[in-house]
Protein backbone atom coordinates (compact mmCIF):
# COMPACT_ATOMS: atom_id res chain seq x y z
CA MET A 1 88.96 -147.41 86.56
CA ASN A 2 91.67 -149.69 85.21
CA ILE A 3 90.77 -152.99 84.00
CA TYR A 4 92.67 -156.12 83.48
CA ILE A 5 91.83 -158.44 80.65
CA ALA A 6 93.22 -162.11 80.59
CA ASN A 7 92.99 -164.51 77.67
CA VAL A 8 94.22 -162.12 74.83
CA SER A 9 94.56 -163.86 71.47
CA ASP A 10 97.90 -163.16 69.99
CA GLU A 11 95.23 -162.25 67.07
CA THR A 12 93.89 -159.36 68.99
CA THR A 13 95.11 -156.06 68.61
CA GLU A 14 95.10 -152.99 70.81
CA GLU A 15 92.51 -151.34 68.29
CA ALA A 16 90.23 -154.15 68.47
CA LEU A 17 90.25 -154.27 72.45
CA ARG A 18 89.33 -150.73 72.22
CA GLN A 19 86.33 -151.40 70.11
CA ALA A 20 85.12 -153.55 72.08
CA PHE A 21 85.35 -151.77 75.20
CA GLU A 22 84.16 -148.39 73.73
CA ALA A 23 80.88 -150.16 73.18
CA PHE A 24 80.32 -149.48 76.87
CA GLY A 25 81.77 -146.29 77.15
CA ARG A 26 84.95 -143.78 76.84
CA VAL A 27 88.27 -145.68 76.71
CA GLU A 28 91.51 -143.82 77.62
CA SER A 29 94.19 -146.27 77.05
CA VAL A 30 94.45 -149.78 75.70
CA LYS A 31 97.75 -151.71 76.45
CA ILE A 32 98.50 -155.31 75.45
CA ILE A 33 101.39 -157.13 77.29
CA GLU A 34 103.86 -159.35 75.56
CA ASP A 35 105.14 -162.30 77.51
CA ARG A 36 108.87 -161.60 77.28
CA TYR A 37 109.65 -165.22 77.36
CA SER A 38 107.36 -166.54 74.60
CA GLY A 39 106.51 -163.50 72.91
CA GLU A 40 102.63 -164.32 72.92
CA TRP A 41 100.09 -161.78 74.08
CA GLY A 42 98.21 -163.36 76.98
CA PHE A 43 96.90 -160.18 78.92
CA GLY A 44 96.30 -156.37 78.79
CA PHE A 45 94.87 -153.38 80.66
CA ILE A 46 92.18 -150.76 79.55
CA GLU A 47 91.69 -147.19 81.47
CA MET A 48 88.19 -146.11 81.42
CA PRO A 49 87.56 -142.75 83.34
CA VAL A 50 84.09 -143.28 84.23
CA ARG A 51 83.62 -145.98 86.80
CA ALA A 52 79.80 -147.00 85.79
CA GLU A 53 80.81 -147.39 82.32
CA ALA A 54 83.98 -149.66 83.22
CA SER A 55 81.77 -151.81 85.64
CA PHE A 56 79.14 -152.39 82.65
CA ALA A 57 82.22 -152.97 80.53
CA ILE A 58 83.40 -155.87 82.86
CA ASN A 59 80.10 -157.32 83.11
CA GLY A 60 79.56 -157.06 79.49
CA LEU A 61 82.54 -158.62 78.51
CA ASN A 62 83.77 -161.09 80.93
CA GLY A 63 83.01 -164.42 79.31
CA THR A 64 82.74 -163.28 76.12
CA VAL A 65 84.80 -164.58 72.92
CA LEU A 66 87.39 -162.42 71.12
CA ASN A 67 89.62 -164.13 68.30
CA GLY A 68 88.78 -167.83 69.52
CA GLU A 69 89.96 -167.10 73.05
CA MET A 70 87.38 -166.55 75.97
CA LEU A 71 88.21 -163.21 77.91
CA LYS A 72 88.25 -162.79 81.51
CA VAL A 73 87.77 -159.39 82.65
CA SER A 74 88.02 -157.77 85.72
CA GLU A 75 88.93 -154.68 88.02
CA ALA A 76 92.90 -154.74 87.82
CA ARG A 77 94.45 -154.79 91.06
CA PRO A 78 97.79 -153.43 92.24
CA GLY A 79 100.61 -155.84 91.14
CA SER A 80 102.69 -157.83 93.50
CA LYS A 81 106.51 -156.78 94.26
CA ARG A 82 107.61 -159.96 92.22
CA LEU A 83 105.61 -158.46 89.23
CA ARG A 84 107.27 -155.28 89.64
CA GLY A 85 110.87 -156.86 89.78
CA GLU A 86 111.43 -155.95 93.19
């Protein structure tokens, strides 16, 4: 399952996100997206192959604080055309 994480602090590394999610199961990939205009982080994606573990991680981490920011964690949804640059 692909998981979306909002409110990622600039101080948060991909490794820190991986460790937080690995407490709930296997993580295949982690990607923090940098805003091309501000250079700040802001959001990221985690891929977890086992749906039950991913759901557990979403429920367990949504609303928790990491590096001073309250994470908003949910299942990722397909992006809009505008976000893909079309």
